[in-house]
Amino acid sequence: MELQAIQEIISEYLDIDPSTITETTSFKDMEIDSIDMMDIIMNIEDKFDIKIDDTQGLETVGDLIKMIQTK
């Protein structure tokens, strides 16, 4: 569930095919900078009704999924 939601958010934001986004996809490979990341995180916070205070250590989509699951 989390992966699909993240795929939708990122693919819409970057205008890319959601099937290209997997748990091992890194934000660096998608060329997501800090400003893009903040926008994506805000969308994820709204979608999951959570608050993400620290994005340090988030390198892959899998890292983000783990963070969502702990909230």
C-alpha atoms as a PDB file:
ATOM      1  CA  MET A   1       0.000   0.000   0.000  1.00  0.00           C
ATOM      2  CA  GLU A   2       2.721   2.456   0.955  1.00  0.00           C
ATOM      3  CA  LEU A   3       4.759   1.688  -2.170  1.00  0.00           C
ATOM      4  CA  GLN A   4       1.816   2.297  -4.471  1.00  0.00           C
ATOM      5  CA  ALA A   5       0.969   5.608  -2.794  1.00  0.00           C
ATOM      6  CA  ILE A   6       4.595   6.742  -2.943  1.00  0.00           C
ATOM      7  CA  GLN A   7       4.823   5.698  -6.590  1.00  0.00           C
ATOM      8  CA  GLU A   8       1.746   7.794  -7.374  1.00  0.00           C
ATOM      9  CA  ILE A   9       3.028  10.854  -5.519  1.00  0.00           C
ATOM     10  CA  ILE A  10       6.547  10.757  -6.960  1.00  0.00           C
ATOM     11  CA  SER A  11       5.492   9.831 -10.490  1.00  0.00           C
ATOM     12  CA  GLU A  12       2.973  12.668 -10.566  1.00  0.00           C
ATOM     13  CA  TYR A  13       5.514  15.119  -9.157  1.00  0.00           C
ATOM     14  CA  LEU A  14       8.303  14.107 -11.565  1.00  0.00           C
ATOM     15  CA  ASP A  15       6.033  13.133 -14.474  1.00  0.00           C
ATOM     16  CA  ILE A  16       7.557   9.658 -14.760  1.00  0.00           C
ATOM     17  CA  ASP A  17       6.166   6.134 -15.085  1.00  0.00           C
ATOM     18  CA  PRO A  18       5.246   4.858 -11.582  1.00  0.00           C
ATOM     19  CA  SER A  19       6.408   1.341 -12.487  1.00  0.00           C
ATOM     20  CA  THR A  20       9.986   2.647 -12.634  1.00  0.00           C
ATOM     21  CA  ILE A  21       9.845   3.381  -8.891  1.00  0.00           C
ATOM     22  CA  THR A  22      10.665   0.439  -6.619  1.00  0.00           C
ATOM     23  CA  GLU A  23      11.720   0.088  -2.989  1.00  0.00           C
ATOM     24  CA  THR A  24      15.358   0.106  -4.087  1.00  0.00           C
ATOM     25  CA  THR A  25      15.034   3.247  -6.219  1.00  0.00           C
ATOM     26  CA  SER A  26      17.172   6.003  -4.744  1.00  0.00           C
ATOM     27  CA  PHE A  27      16.116   9.611  -4.617  1.00  0.00           C
ATOM     28  CA  LYS A  28      19.521  10.515  -6.049  1.00  0.00           C
ATOM     29  CA  ASP A  29      18.880   8.309  -9.105  1.00  0.00           C
ATOM     30  CA  MET A  30      15.579  10.143  -9.636  1.00  0.00           C
ATOM     31  CA  GLU A  31      17.497  13.435  -9.349  1.00  0.00           C
ATOM     32  CA  ILE A  32      15.336  14.604  -6.446  1.00  0.00           C
ATOM     33  CA  ASP A  33      16.918  17.600  -4.734  1.00  0.00           C
ATOM     34  CA  SER A  34      16.125  18.926  -1.279  1.00  0.00           C
ATOM     35  CA  ILE A  35      13.351  21.224  -2.497  1.00  0.00           C
ATOM     36  CA  ASP A  36      11.705  18.403  -4.457  1.00  0.00           C
ATOM     37  CA  MET A  37      12.054  16.157  -1.419  1.00  0.00           C
ATOM     38  CA  MET A  38      10.274  18.652   0.827  1.00  0.00           C
ATOM     39  CA  ASP A  39       7.355  18.885  -1.613  1.00  0.00           C
ATOM     40  CA  ILE A  40       7.146  15.099  -1.867  1.00  0.00           C
ATOM     41  CA  ILE A  41       7.334  14.710   1.916  1.00  0.00           C
ATOM     42  CA  MET A  42       4.511  17.232   2.376  1.00  0.00           C
ATOM     43  CA  ASN A  43       2.353  15.225  -0.027  1.00  0.00           C
ATOM     44  CA  ILE A  44       3.184  12.004   1.824  1.00  0.00           C
ATOM     45  CA  GLU A  45       2.378  13.613   5.177  1.00  0.00           C
ATOM     46  CA  ASP A  46      -1.025  14.649   3.831  1.00  0.00           C
ATOM     47  CA  LYS A  47      -1.704  11.240   2.272  1.00  0.00           C
ATOM     48  CA  PHE A  48      -0.808   9.224   5.388  1.00  0.00           C
ATOM     49  CA  ASP A  49      -1.784  11.838   7.999  1.00  0.00           C
ATOM     50  CA  ILE A  50       1.651  11.699   9.610  1.00  0.00           C
ATOM     51  CA  LYS A  51       4.437  14.166  10.395  1.00  0.00           C
ATOM     52  CA  ILE A  52       7.959  13.525   9.131  1.00  0.00           C
ATOM     53  CA  ASP A  53      10.361  15.770  11.003  1.00  0.00           C
ATOM     54  CA  ASP A  54      13.683  14.410   9.832  1.00  0.00           C
ATOM     55  CA  THR A  55      14.504  13.254   6.312  1.00  0.00           C
ATOM     56  CA  GLN A  56      18.121  12.482   7.108  1.00  0.00           C
ATOM     57  CA  GLY A  57      19.008   8.953   6.122  1.00  0.00           C
ATOM     58  CA  LEU A  58      16.272   8.727   3.501  1.00  0.00           C
ATOM     59  CA  GLU A  59      18.132   7.495   0.471  1.00  0.00           C
ATOM     60  CA  THR A  60      15.678   5.068  -1.127  1.00  0.00           C
ATOM     61  CA  VAL A  61      11.946   4.632  -1.483  1.00  0.00           C
ATOM     62  CA  GLY A  62      12.307   1.643   0.865  1.00  0.00           C
ATOM     63  CA  ASP A  63      13.763   3.910   3.554  1.00  0.00           C
ATOM     64  CA  LEU A  64      10.730   6.156   3.199  1.00  0.00           C
ATOM     65  CA  ILE A  65       8.345   3.200   3.459  1.00  0.00           C
ATOM     66  CA  LYS A  66      10.040   2.064   6.677  1.00  0.00           C
ATOM     67  CA  MET A  67       9.703   5.561   8.108  1.00  0.00           C
ATOM     68  CA  ILE A  68       5.992   5.700   7.223  1.00  0.00           C
ATOM     69  CA  GLN A  69       5.402   2.302   8.853  1.00  0.00           C
ATOM     70  CA  THR A  70       6.936   3.489  12.140  1.00  0.00           C
ATOM     71  CA  LYS A  71       4.656   6.547  12.357  1.00  0.00           C
END
